[in-house]
Amino acid sequence: MEGKTLRFGIEGAWLTAFVRQQVFSEGKDPKHIVELMRGFMCGTDQAEAEIDRQAEDVLLGRAEFRGNPRDGSCALLFFQPGKSLAIGICSEKLRKL
């Protein structure tokens, strides 16, 4: 039997929406989701604490994933303080959890 190869790419915008939905709509433990994000944010020379902070930034609306890791365009985009209205809304929901 001939083997087949499956290839797929995950867009950064989808990933950002997915992790936020898991916490804010599905009620998943934010610590679990940060741990999940740590898994696909590894491979750099950053300390684990820095990766955790960046994952929290994504959940709180201070950053988002962009691009696709398959074509090398994946990046973490950070917003300037005071520029995102979602920060206050997400922070309030995170405190309630």
N, C-alpha and C. Protein backbone atom coordinates (compact mmCIF):
# COMPACT_ATOMS: atom_id res chain seq x y z
N MET A 1 0.85 -1.18 0.00
CA MET A 1 0.00 0.00 0.00
C MET A 1 0.90 1.24 0.00
N GLU A 2 0.56 2.15 -0.85
CA GLU A 2 1.34 3.39 -0.97
C GLU A 2 0.96 4.36 0.15
N GLY A 3 1.98 4.94 0.81
CA GLY A 3 1.72 5.90 1.88
C GLY A 3 1.26 7.24 1.34
N LYS A 4 0.51 7.92 2.12
CA LYS A 4 0.03 9.25 1.73
C LYS A 4 0.51 10.25 2.76
N THR A 5 0.70 11.46 2.33
CA THR A 5 1.15 12.52 3.21
C THR A 5 0.04 13.54 3.37
N LEU A 6 -0.20 13.89 4.60
CA LEU A 6 -1.18 14.93 4.91
C LEU A 6 -0.43 16.17 5.35
N ARG A 7 -0.72 17.28 4.75
CA ARG A 7 -0.09 18.54 5.10
C ARG A 7 -1.17 19.58 5.37
N PHE A 8 -0.94 20.36 6.40
CA PHE A 8 -1.88 21.42 6.70
C PHE A 8 -1.13 22.56 7.36
N GLY A 9 -1.74 23.70 7.35
CA GLY A 9 -1.18 24.88 8.00
C GLY A 9 -2.23 25.52 8.89
N ILE A 10 -1.78 26.10 9.95
CA ILE A 10 -2.69 26.78 10.86
C ILE A 10 -2.41 28.27 10.78
N GLU A 11 -3.40 29.01 10.41
CA GLU A 11 -3.26 30.46 10.34
C GLU A 11 -3.23 31.06 11.73
N GLY A 12 -2.41 32.08 11.92
CA GLY A 12 -2.28 32.74 13.21
C GLY A 12 -3.59 33.31 13.72
N ALA A 13 -4.39 33.88 12.83
CA ALA A 13 -5.67 34.46 13.26
C ALA A 13 -6.60 33.38 13.81
N TRP A 14 -6.59 32.20 13.18
CA TRP A 14 -7.41 31.09 13.68
C TRP A 14 -6.93 30.65 15.06
N LEU A 15 -5.62 30.54 15.20
CA LEU A 15 -5.04 30.10 16.47
C LEU A 15 -5.36 31.08 17.60
N THR A 16 -5.26 32.36 17.32
CA THR A 16 -5.60 33.38 18.31
C THR A 16 -7.06 33.25 18.73
N ALA A 17 -7.95 33.13 17.76
CA ALA A 17 -9.38 33.00 18.06
C ALA A 17 -9.66 31.71 18.83
N PHE A 18 -8.98 30.63 18.47
CA PHE A 18 -9.20 29.34 19.13
C PHE A 18 -8.83 29.39 20.60
N VAL A 19 -7.65 29.90 20.93
CA VAL A 19 -7.23 29.89 22.34
C VAL A 19 -8.11 30.81 23.18
N ARG A 20 -8.51 31.95 22.61
CA ARG A 20 -9.40 32.85 23.36
C ARG A 20 -10.77 32.22 23.55
N GLN A 21 -11.28 31.54 22.53
CA GLN A 21 -12.58 30.88 22.64
C GLN A 21 -12.54 29.80 23.71
N GLN A 22 -11.44 29.06 23.78
CA GLN A 22 -11.33 27.99 24.77
C GLN A 22 -11.47 28.52 26.19
N VAL A 23 -10.92 29.70 26.45
CA VAL A 23 -10.98 30.27 27.79
C VAL A 23 -12.29 31.01 28.03
N PHE A 24 -12.65 31.91 27.13
CA PHE A 24 -13.75 32.82 27.39
C PHE A 24 -15.13 32.28 27.02
N SER A 25 -15.20 31.37 26.05
CA SER A 25 -16.50 30.81 25.67
C SER A 25 -16.69 29.39 26.22
N GLU A 26 -15.63 28.61 26.20
CA GLU A 26 -15.73 27.21 26.62
C GLU A 26 -15.41 27.01 28.10
N GLY A 27 -14.85 28.03 28.75
CA GLY A 27 -14.57 27.95 30.18
C GLY A 27 -13.37 27.11 30.56
N LYS A 28 -12.45 26.88 29.61
CA LYS A 28 -11.24 26.10 29.92
C LYS A 28 -10.35 26.88 30.88
N ASP A 29 -9.57 26.16 31.64
CA ASP A 29 -8.64 26.75 32.59
C ASP A 29 -7.56 27.54 31.82
N PRO A 30 -7.41 28.84 32.10
CA PRO A 30 -6.40 29.63 31.39
C PRO A 30 -4.99 29.05 31.53
N LYS A 31 -4.68 28.45 32.68
CA LYS A 31 -3.35 27.85 32.86
C LYS A 31 -3.13 26.71 31.88
N HIS A 32 -4.17 25.94 31.62
CA HIS A 32 -4.07 24.84 30.65
C HIS A 32 -3.84 25.38 29.24
N ILE A 33 -4.53 26.43 28.89
CA ILE A 33 -4.39 27.01 27.55
C ILE A 33 -3.01 27.65 27.38
N VAL A 34 -2.50 28.30 28.45
CA VAL A 34 -1.14 28.85 28.39
C VAL A 34 -0.14 27.72 28.18
N GLU A 35 -0.36 26.60 28.86
CA GLU A 35 0.52 25.44 28.69
C GLU A 35 0.45 24.91 27.25
N LEU A 36 -0.75 24.88 26.69
CA LEU A 36 -0.93 24.46 25.30
C LEU A 36 -0.16 25.39 24.36
N MET A 37 -0.29 26.70 24.57
CA MET A 37 0.42 27.65 23.72
C MET A 37 1.92 27.52 23.89
N ARG A 38 2.38 27.21 25.11
CA ARG A 38 3.80 27.03 25.36
C ARG A 38 4.37 25.97 24.43
N GLY A 39 3.57 24.94 24.15
CA GLY A 39 4.00 23.86 23.28
C GLY A 39 4.31 24.30 21.86
N PHE A 40 3.53 25.21 21.31
CA PHE A 40 3.82 25.65 19.95
C PHE A 40 4.57 26.97 19.88
N MET A 41 4.94 27.53 21.02
CA MET A 41 5.77 28.73 21.04
C MET A 41 7.21 28.40 21.42
N CYS A 42 7.49 27.11 21.66
CA CYS A 42 8.85 26.72 22.05
C CYS A 42 9.74 26.70 20.81
N GLY A 43 10.99 26.38 21.02
CA GLY A 43 11.93 26.33 19.90
C GLY A 43 12.70 27.62 19.73
N THR A 44 12.54 28.53 20.65
CA THR A 44 13.30 29.78 20.63
C THR A 44 14.23 29.79 21.83
N ASP A 45 15.03 30.82 21.94
CA ASP A 45 15.94 30.93 23.08
C ASP A 45 15.30 31.69 24.24
N GLN A 46 13.98 31.90 24.18
CA GLN A 46 13.28 32.61 25.24
C GLN A 46 13.09 31.73 26.46
N ALA A 47 13.12 32.35 27.63
CA ALA A 47 12.86 31.62 28.87
C ALA A 47 11.39 31.22 28.92
N GLU A 48 11.10 30.16 29.67
CA GLU A 48 9.73 29.68 29.78
C GLU A 48 8.80 30.75 30.35
N ALA A 49 9.29 31.54 31.30
CA ALA A 49 8.48 32.61 31.90
C ALA A 49 8.11 33.66 30.86
N GLU A 50 9.01 33.96 29.95
CA GLU A 50 8.74 34.94 28.88
C GLU A 50 7.68 34.39 27.91
N ILE A 51 7.80 33.12 27.58
CA ILE A 51 6.81 32.48 26.70
C ILE A 51 5.44 32.49 27.37
N ASP A 52 5.39 32.18 28.67
CA ASP A 52 4.12 32.21 29.40
C ASP A 52 3.51 33.60 29.39
N ARG A 53 4.33 34.64 29.58
CA ARG A 53 3.82 36.01 29.58
C ARG A 53 3.26 36.36 28.20
N GLN A 54 3.94 35.94 27.14
CA GLN A 54 3.45 36.22 25.80
C GLN A 54 2.14 35.47 25.52
N ALA A 55 2.04 34.25 26.02
CA ALA A 55 0.79 33.49 25.86
C ALA A 55 -0.35 34.21 26.59
N GLU A 56 -0.07 34.72 27.78
CA GLU A 56 -1.07 35.49 28.52
C GLU A 56 -1.44 36.76 27.76
N ASP A 57 -0.46 37.38 27.11
CA ASP A 57 -0.74 38.57 26.29
C ASP A 57 -1.74 38.25 25.18
N VAL A 58 -1.61 37.07 24.58
CA VAL A 58 -2.56 36.67 23.54
C VAL A 58 -3.96 36.52 24.13
N LEU A 59 -4.07 35.87 25.28
CA LEU A 59 -5.38 35.69 25.91
C LEU A 59 -6.02 37.02 26.30
N LEU A 60 -5.21 37.96 26.74
CA LEU A 60 -5.73 39.24 27.22
C LEU A 60 -5.92 40.28 26.12
N GLY A 61 -5.61 39.94 24.88
CA GLY A 61 -5.81 40.86 23.78
C GLY A 61 -4.68 41.85 23.57
N ARG A 62 -3.54 41.64 24.23
CA ARG A 62 -2.39 42.53 24.04
C ARG A 62 -1.50 42.08 22.90
N ALA A 63 -1.76 40.88 22.38
CA ALA A 63 -0.98 40.33 21.28
C ALA A 63 -1.84 39.33 20.54
N GLU A 64 -1.42 39.00 19.33
CA GLU A 64 -2.11 37.98 18.55
C GLU A 64 -1.13 37.32 17.60
N PHE A 65 -1.47 36.09 17.24
CA PHE A 65 -0.67 35.38 16.25
C PHE A 65 -1.09 35.84 14.87
N ARG A 66 -0.10 35.94 13.98
CA ARG A 66 -0.36 36.30 12.59
C ARG A 66 0.43 35.38 11.69
N GLY A 67 -0.02 35.19 10.48
CA GLY A 67 0.71 34.41 9.50
C GLY A 67 0.51 32.91 9.66
N ASN A 68 1.43 32.16 9.05
CA ASN A 68 1.35 30.70 9.02
C ASN A 68 2.75 30.13 9.20
N PRO A 69 2.94 29.23 10.19
CA PRO A 69 4.27 28.68 10.40
C PRO A 69 4.77 27.84 9.23
N ARG A 70 3.86 27.32 8.45
CA ARG A 70 4.25 26.48 7.31
C ARG A 70 5.06 27.25 6.28
N ASP A 71 4.69 28.49 6.03
CA ASP A 71 5.44 29.27 5.04
C ASP A 71 6.43 30.25 5.70
N GLY A 72 6.58 30.15 7.02
CA GLY A 72 7.55 30.99 7.72
C GLY A 72 7.08 32.39 8.05
N SER A 73 5.80 32.66 7.83
CA SER A 73 5.30 34.02 8.07
C SER A 73 4.69 34.19 9.46
N CYS A 74 4.73 33.15 10.28
CA CYS A 74 4.10 33.21 11.60
C CYS A 74 4.87 34.17 12.52
N ALA A 75 4.13 35.01 13.20
CA ALA A 75 4.73 35.98 14.11
C ALA A 75 3.74 36.30 15.21
N LEU A 76 4.26 36.85 16.29
CA LEU A 76 3.43 37.30 17.39
C LEU A 76 3.42 38.82 17.34
N LEU A 77 2.26 39.39 17.10
CA LEU A 77 2.11 40.84 16.98
C LEU A 77 1.63 41.39 18.31
N PHE A 78 2.36 42.38 18.84
CA PHE A 78 1.99 43.02 20.10
C PHE A 78 1.36 44.37 19.82
N PHE A 79 0.32 44.69 20.59
CA PHE A 79 -0.36 45.97 20.45
C PHE A 79 0.21 46.96 21.43
N GLN A 80 0.17 48.22 21.09
CA GLN A 80 0.64 49.26 22.00
C GLN A 80 -0.37 49.43 23.13
N PRO A 81 0.11 49.71 24.35
CA PRO A 81 -0.82 49.92 25.46
C PRO A 81 -1.85 50.99 25.14
N GLY A 82 -3.09 50.72 25.50
CA GLY A 82 -4.16 51.68 25.29
C GLY A 82 -4.78 51.63 23.91
N LYS A 83 -4.26 50.79 23.02
CA LYS A 83 -4.78 50.75 21.65
C LYS A 83 -5.83 49.66 21.44
N SER A 84 -5.99 48.76 22.39
CA SER A 84 -6.92 47.65 22.21
C SER A 84 -8.04 47.73 23.25
N LEU A 85 -9.27 47.78 22.77
CA LEU A 85 -10.42 47.82 23.66
C LEU A 85 -10.69 46.46 24.29
N ALA A 86 -10.19 45.41 23.65
CA ALA A 86 -10.46 44.06 24.15
C ALA A 86 -9.74 43.76 25.45
N ILE A 87 -8.70 44.50 25.78
CA ILE A 87 -7.92 44.21 26.98
C ILE A 87 -8.79 44.25 28.23
N GLY A 88 -9.56 45.29 28.42
CA GLY A 88 -10.39 45.40 29.61
C GLY A 88 -11.46 44.32 29.67
N ILE A 89 -12.08 44.03 28.56
CA ILE A 89 -13.12 43.01 28.51
C ILE A 89 -12.53 41.64 28.83
N CYS A 90 -11.43 41.29 28.21
CA CYS A 90 -10.80 39.99 28.44
C CYS A 90 -10.26 39.90 29.86
N SER A 91 -9.68 40.96 30.37
CA SER A 91 -9.14 40.94 31.72
C SER A 91 -10.24 40.67 32.73
N GLU A 92 -11.38 41.28 32.54
CA GLU A 92 -12.50 41.08 33.45
C GLU A 92 -12.98 39.62 33.41
N LYS A 93 -13.10 39.06 32.23
CA LYS A 93 -13.52 37.66 32.12
C LYS A 93 -12.49 36.72 32.72
N LEU A 94 -11.20 37.00 32.52
CA LEU A 94 -10.15 36.17 33.07
C LEU A 94 -10.17 36.20 34.59
N ARG A 95 -10.42 37.36 35.18
CA ARG A 95 -10.50 37.46 36.64
C ARG A 95 -11.65 36.62 37.19
N LYS A 96 -12.77 36.60 36.46
CA LYS A 96 -13.93 35.83 36.91
C LYS A 96 -13.64 34.32 36.89
N LEU A 97 -12.80 33.88 35.95
CA LEU A 97 -12.46 32.46 35.87
C LEU A 97 -11.51 32.09 36.97
